[in-house]
Amino acid sequence: MFKKLLFGLILAQSLSVQAADSKVQALLKQADGYRLADAQMQVETEVQLFKNGKLDKERSYTVYLKPGRRSLVLMQSPAEKGQKVLMLGDDFWQIMPQSQRPIRITPLQKLLGDASAGDIATMSWSEDYDGRIVGETKVGDIPCLRLDLTATRKGVSYQRVELYLSKVGAHPVKADLYVASDKLAKQALFTVEQVDGRPQVSAMRLIDQIQTNRETVIRYLSRKARTIPDEYYNPMFLTRSDLKQ
């Protein structure tokens, strides 16, 4: 009798954990929908670095996203024209013009200000993280669920994320981003606006936790469904070819 009772309790606990995990994944996929409208996309992105409240530098990027953690970033500003960043699963490469060999980099490689390669190349939490709901709070006037997320793969910029999602609609509001040492690297604040008739994240503001006089703003200027050939996700191919937009 005791064994049956114990088995029943263990089974109930296991089912409860599975239900909680399923709820978190559902929330993350819902939150991803505010950043990803289609499985394969072209996103025109602008990054601005502000120092003491004044614009210091800005850069433009075209980002191609494909399922399976494949992403290609083309640098469009005159100072960087011809440079590319490729993400394949957990691996990142930077391809320089006229270079015969792609350069291995990490997702934390800085592009401008606090915007790293991983910040520009990835737009999905549900592919990279799992976790639990740890509470409720308000961020400004927005009632939020607080999620404690842990990376499920090594090739992500942040090993832990405290993500705040609105209780109504589960849109992203704020994220505290932690590196492998569990040190808070930066904070992200999300702007959600009506774009093309639906609510979407229009900007992500990154606040430096060390250099408090500067902020980096990533603006998503446009998104559209776009498929490019699989060969463009080959680092050696990219050293020999230019992507025609």
Protein backbone atom coordinates (compact mmCIF):
# COMPACT_ATOMS: atom_id res chain seq x y z
CA MET A 1 0.00 0.00 0.00
CA PHE A 2 2.79 2.39 0.96
CA LYS A 3 4.68 1.61 -2.27
CA LYS A 4 1.58 2.35 -4.34
CA LEU A 5 1.08 5.64 -2.50
CA LEU A 6 4.73 6.59 -2.96
CA PHE A 7 4.58 5.71 -6.67
CA GLY A 8 1.44 7.82 -7.03
CA LEU A 9 3.11 10.80 -5.38
CA ILE A 10 6.21 10.47 -7.58
CA LEU A 11 4.05 10.17 -10.71
CA ALA A 12 1.98 13.21 -9.73
CA GLN A 13 5.14 15.23 -9.07
CA SER A 14 6.62 14.17 -12.42
CA LEU A 15 3.45 15.15 -14.27
CA SER A 16 3.42 18.48 -12.44
CA VAL A 17 7.03 19.19 -13.49
CA GLN A 18 6.24 18.24 -17.09
CA ALA A 19 3.22 20.54 -17.09
CA ALA A 20 5.33 23.41 -15.71
CA ASP A 21 8.04 22.81 -18.33
CA SER A 22 5.40 22.73 -21.05
CA LYS A 23 3.93 26.03 -19.83
CA VAL A 24 7.34 27.73 -19.86
CA GLN A 25 8.05 26.53 -23.41
CA ALA A 26 4.61 27.76 -24.51
CA LEU A 27 5.34 31.18 -23.00
CA LEU A 28 8.76 31.36 -24.68
CA LYS A 29 7.30 30.48 -28.08
CA GLN A 30 4.63 33.12 -27.59
CA ALA A 31 7.30 35.67 -26.66
CA ASP A 32 9.41 34.66 -29.67
CA GLY A 33 6.44 35.48 -31.90
CA TYR A 34 6.92 39.18 -31.14
CA ARG A 35 10.40 39.01 -32.68
CA LEU A 36 9.99 36.27 -35.32
CA ALA A 37 7.03 36.49 -37.68
CA ASP A 38 8.19 33.71 -40.04
CA ALA A 39 10.53 30.73 -39.85
CA GLN A 40 12.78 32.21 -42.55
CA MET A 41 13.20 35.95 -42.46
CA GLN A 42 15.19 38.96 -43.55
CA VAL A 43 15.49 41.58 -40.82
CA GLU A 44 16.90 45.04 -41.49
CA THR A 45 18.58 46.11 -38.27
CA GLU A 46 20.12 49.34 -37.01
CA VAL A 47 22.38 49.56 -33.96
CA GLN A 48 22.96 52.89 -32.23
CA LEU A 49 25.46 53.59 -29.46
CA PHE A 50 24.63 56.44 -27.10
CA LYS A 51 27.14 58.00 -24.69
CA ASN A 52 25.86 60.36 -22.02
CA GLY A 53 22.54 60.44 -23.85
CA LYS A 54 24.02 61.52 -27.19
CA LEU A 55 24.32 59.40 -30.34
CA ASP A 56 27.96 58.37 -30.76
CA LYS A 57 27.93 55.75 -33.56
CA GLU A 58 25.46 53.74 -35.62
CA ARG A 59 25.70 50.70 -37.86
CA SER A 60 23.33 48.89 -40.23
CA TYR A 61 22.96 45.12 -40.68
CA THR A 62 20.90 42.77 -42.84
CA VAL A 63 20.13 39.54 -40.96
CA TYR A 64 18.91 36.32 -42.59
CA LEU A 65 17.35 33.81 -40.20
CA LYS A 66 16.68 30.13 -40.90
CA PRO A 67 15.42 27.29 -38.65
CA GLY A 68 18.00 25.19 -36.84
CA ARG A 69 19.97 28.12 -35.41
CA ARG A 70 21.26 29.30 -38.78
CA SER A 71 21.78 33.02 -39.22
CA LEU A 72 23.77 35.22 -41.58
CA VAL A 73 24.56 38.85 -40.76
CA LEU A 74 25.69 41.20 -43.54
CA MET A 75 27.30 44.44 -42.41
CA GLN A 76 26.00 47.35 -44.49
CA SER A 77 27.67 50.48 -43.10
CA PRO A 78 30.58 51.90 -45.16
CA ALA A 79 33.12 51.23 -42.37
CA GLU A 80 32.20 47.52 -42.29
CA LYS A 81 30.83 46.85 -45.79
CA GLY A 82 31.61 43.34 -47.00
CA GLN A 83 32.03 41.83 -43.54
CA LYS A 84 29.75 38.96 -42.53
CA VAL A 85 28.96 36.98 -39.40
CA LEU A 86 27.64 33.44 -39.71
CA MET A 87 25.96 31.39 -37.00
CA LEU A 88 25.57 27.63 -37.45
CA GLY A 89 24.22 25.95 -34.35
CA ASP A 90 26.75 26.66 -31.62
CA ASP A 91 29.45 27.96 -33.99
CA PHE A 92 30.12 31.55 -35.06
CA TRP A 93 32.43 32.83 -37.80
CA GLN A 94 33.37 36.28 -39.03
CA ILE A 95 34.20 36.59 -42.72
CA MET A 96 36.31 39.56 -43.79
CA PRO A 97 36.52 40.90 -47.37
CA GLN A 98 39.32 39.33 -49.44
CA SER A 99 40.06 36.86 -46.62
CA GLN A 100 40.61 33.23 -47.61
CA ARG A 101 39.71 31.86 -44.20
CA PRO A 102 36.71 32.49 -41.92
CA ILE A 103 37.61 33.57 -38.38
CA ARG A 104 36.10 31.70 -35.43
CA ILE A 105 34.47 34.04 -32.92
CA THR A 106 32.22 33.68 -29.88
CA PRO A 107 28.61 34.88 -29.64
CA LEU A 108 29.86 37.56 -27.22
CA GLN A 109 32.04 39.16 -29.93
CA LYS A 110 31.13 42.87 -29.82
CA LEU A 111 29.84 44.50 -33.00
CA LEU A 112 28.98 47.93 -31.65
CA GLY A 113 28.63 49.06 -28.04
CA ASP A 114 26.97 46.28 -26.06
CA ALA A 115 25.49 44.64 -29.15
CA SER A 116 27.26 41.33 -29.65
CA ALA A 117 27.18 38.88 -32.55
CA GLY A 118 24.75 36.73 -30.60
CA ASP A 119 22.43 39.68 -29.91
CA ILE A 120 22.13 40.38 -33.64
CA ALA A 121 22.12 36.81 -34.98
CA THR A 122 19.64 35.14 -32.61
CA MET A 123 16.00 35.98 -31.98
CA SER A 124 14.65 32.84 -30.28
CA TRP A 125 14.44 31.92 -26.60
CA SER A 126 12.43 28.72 -27.06
CA GLU A 127 15.25 27.10 -29.11
CA ASP A 128 17.98 27.91 -26.61
CA TYR A 129 16.52 27.99 -23.09
CA ASP A 130 14.39 26.16 -20.59
CA GLY A 131 13.46 27.16 -17.06
CA ARG A 132 10.70 27.93 -14.64
CA ILE A 133 8.33 30.66 -13.55
CA VAL A 134 9.68 32.05 -10.29
CA GLY A 135 7.23 34.82 -9.51
CA GLU A 136 5.21 37.81 -10.55
CA THR A 137 6.14 41.48 -10.41
CA LYS A 138 5.60 44.80 -12.12
CA VAL A 139 8.03 46.36 -14.57
CA GLY A 140 6.92 49.96 -14.64
CA ASP A 141 3.15 49.69 -14.92
CA ILE A 142 3.16 46.28 -16.63
CA PRO A 143 2.26 43.18 -14.54
CA CYS A 144 4.79 40.51 -15.49
CA LEU A 145 5.70 36.89 -15.00
CA ARG A 146 9.36 36.43 -14.03
CA LEU A 147 11.06 33.45 -15.66
CA ASP A 148 14.45 32.06 -14.65
CA LEU A 149 15.94 30.54 -17.80
CA THR A 150 19.00 28.33 -18.22
CA ALA A 151 20.70 27.72 -21.56
CA THR A 152 20.18 24.27 -23.05
CA ARG A 153 23.19 24.60 -25.37
CA LYS A 154 26.70 25.99 -25.12
CA GLY A 155 26.72 28.34 -28.10
CA VAL A 156 24.56 31.09 -26.64
CA SER A 157 25.63 34.51 -25.45
CA TYR A 158 24.10 34.21 -21.99
CA GLN A 159 24.00 31.09 -19.86
CA ARG A 160 21.19 32.42 -17.69
CA VAL A 161 18.41 34.91 -18.39
CA GLU A 162 15.84 36.42 -16.05
CA LEU A 163 13.06 37.17 -18.49
CA TYR A 164 10.04 39.32 -17.69
CA LEU A 165 6.96 38.66 -19.84
CA SER A 166 3.70 40.59 -19.65
CA LYS A 167 0.96 38.58 -17.92
CA VAL A 168 -1.40 39.61 -20.73
CA GLY A 169 -0.07 38.49 -24.10
CA ALA A 170 3.38 37.27 -22.89
CA HIS A 171 5.28 39.95 -24.77
CA PRO A 172 8.89 40.56 -23.65
CA VAL A 173 9.35 43.53 -21.32
CA LYS A 174 12.78 43.14 -19.75
CA ALA A 175 15.64 40.64 -19.53
CA ASP A 176 18.60 40.43 -17.18
CA LEU A 177 21.42 38.71 -19.08
CA TYR A 178 24.06 36.65 -17.23
CA VAL A 179 27.31 35.21 -18.60
CA ALA A 180 28.79 31.82 -17.66
CA SER A 181 30.24 33.11 -14.37
CA ASP A 182 26.67 34.08 -13.37
CA LYS A 183 27.71 37.72 -13.55
CA LEU A 184 25.06 40.16 -14.76
CA ALA A 185 26.41 41.37 -18.11
CA LYS A 186 23.66 43.73 -19.19
CA GLN A 187 19.96 44.45 -19.07
CA ALA A 188 17.67 44.48 -22.07
CA LEU A 189 14.47 46.53 -22.28
CA PHE A 190 12.03 45.81 -25.11
CA THR A 191 9.78 48.20 -27.00
CA VAL A 192 6.64 46.58 -28.45
CA GLU A 193 4.66 48.54 -31.05
CA GLN A 194 2.08 47.88 -33.75
CA VAL A 195 4.03 47.00 -36.91
CA ASP A 196 2.27 45.79 -40.07
CA GLY A 197 -0.96 45.41 -38.14
CA ARG A 198 0.39 43.30 -35.27
CA PRO A 199 2.37 43.91 -32.07
CA GLN A 200 6.09 43.33 -32.59
CA VAL A 201 9.33 44.14 -30.80
CA SER A 202 10.54 47.26 -32.60
CA ALA A 203 13.64 47.87 -30.46
CA MET A 204 15.82 46.33 -27.76
CA ARG A 205 17.72 48.72 -25.49
CA LEU A 206 20.85 47.28 -23.86
CA ILE A 207 22.02 48.92 -20.64
CA ASP A 208 25.66 48.41 -19.70
CA GLN A 209 26.11 47.33 -16.09
CA ILE A 210 29.71 48.61 -15.91
CA GLN A 211 29.87 51.66 -18.18
CA THR A 212 26.70 53.29 -16.93
CA ASN A 213 27.09 56.32 -19.17
CA ARG A 214 26.27 54.40 -22.33
CA GLU A 215 23.36 52.54 -23.89
CA THR A 216 23.04 50.51 -27.08
CA VAL A 217 19.76 50.41 -28.98
CA ILE A 218 19.02 47.68 -31.54
CA ARG A 219 16.17 48.74 -33.83
CA TYR A 220 14.36 46.31 -36.12
CA LEU A 221 13.54 48.52 -39.09
CA SER A 222 11.76 45.93 -41.20
CA ARG A 223 11.01 42.22 -41.33
CA LYS A 224 9.90 40.11 -44.25
CA ALA A 225 9.76 36.45 -45.20
CA ARG A 226 12.88 35.63 -47.21
CA THR A 227 14.68 32.40 -48.07
CA ILE A 228 18.27 32.33 -49.24
CA PRO A 229 20.08 29.22 -50.55
CA ASP A 230 21.54 26.77 -48.03
CA GLU A 231 25.00 27.23 -49.58
CA TYR A 232 25.16 30.73 -48.11
CA TYR A 233 25.29 29.16 -44.66
CA ASN A 234 28.65 27.57 -45.48
CA PRO A 235 31.58 29.61 -44.07
CA MET A 236 34.02 28.55 -46.82
CA PHE A 237 31.50 29.44 -49.55
CA LEU A 238 31.09 32.91 -48.04
CA THR A 239 34.83 33.59 -48.34
CA ARG A 240 34.48 33.21 -52.12
CA SER A 241 31.09 34.80 -52.74
CA ASP A 242 29.03 37.91 -52.18
CA LEU A 243 25.38 37.60 -51.27
CA LYS A 244 23.26 39.52 -53.74
CA GLN A 245 20.29 41.00 -51.89
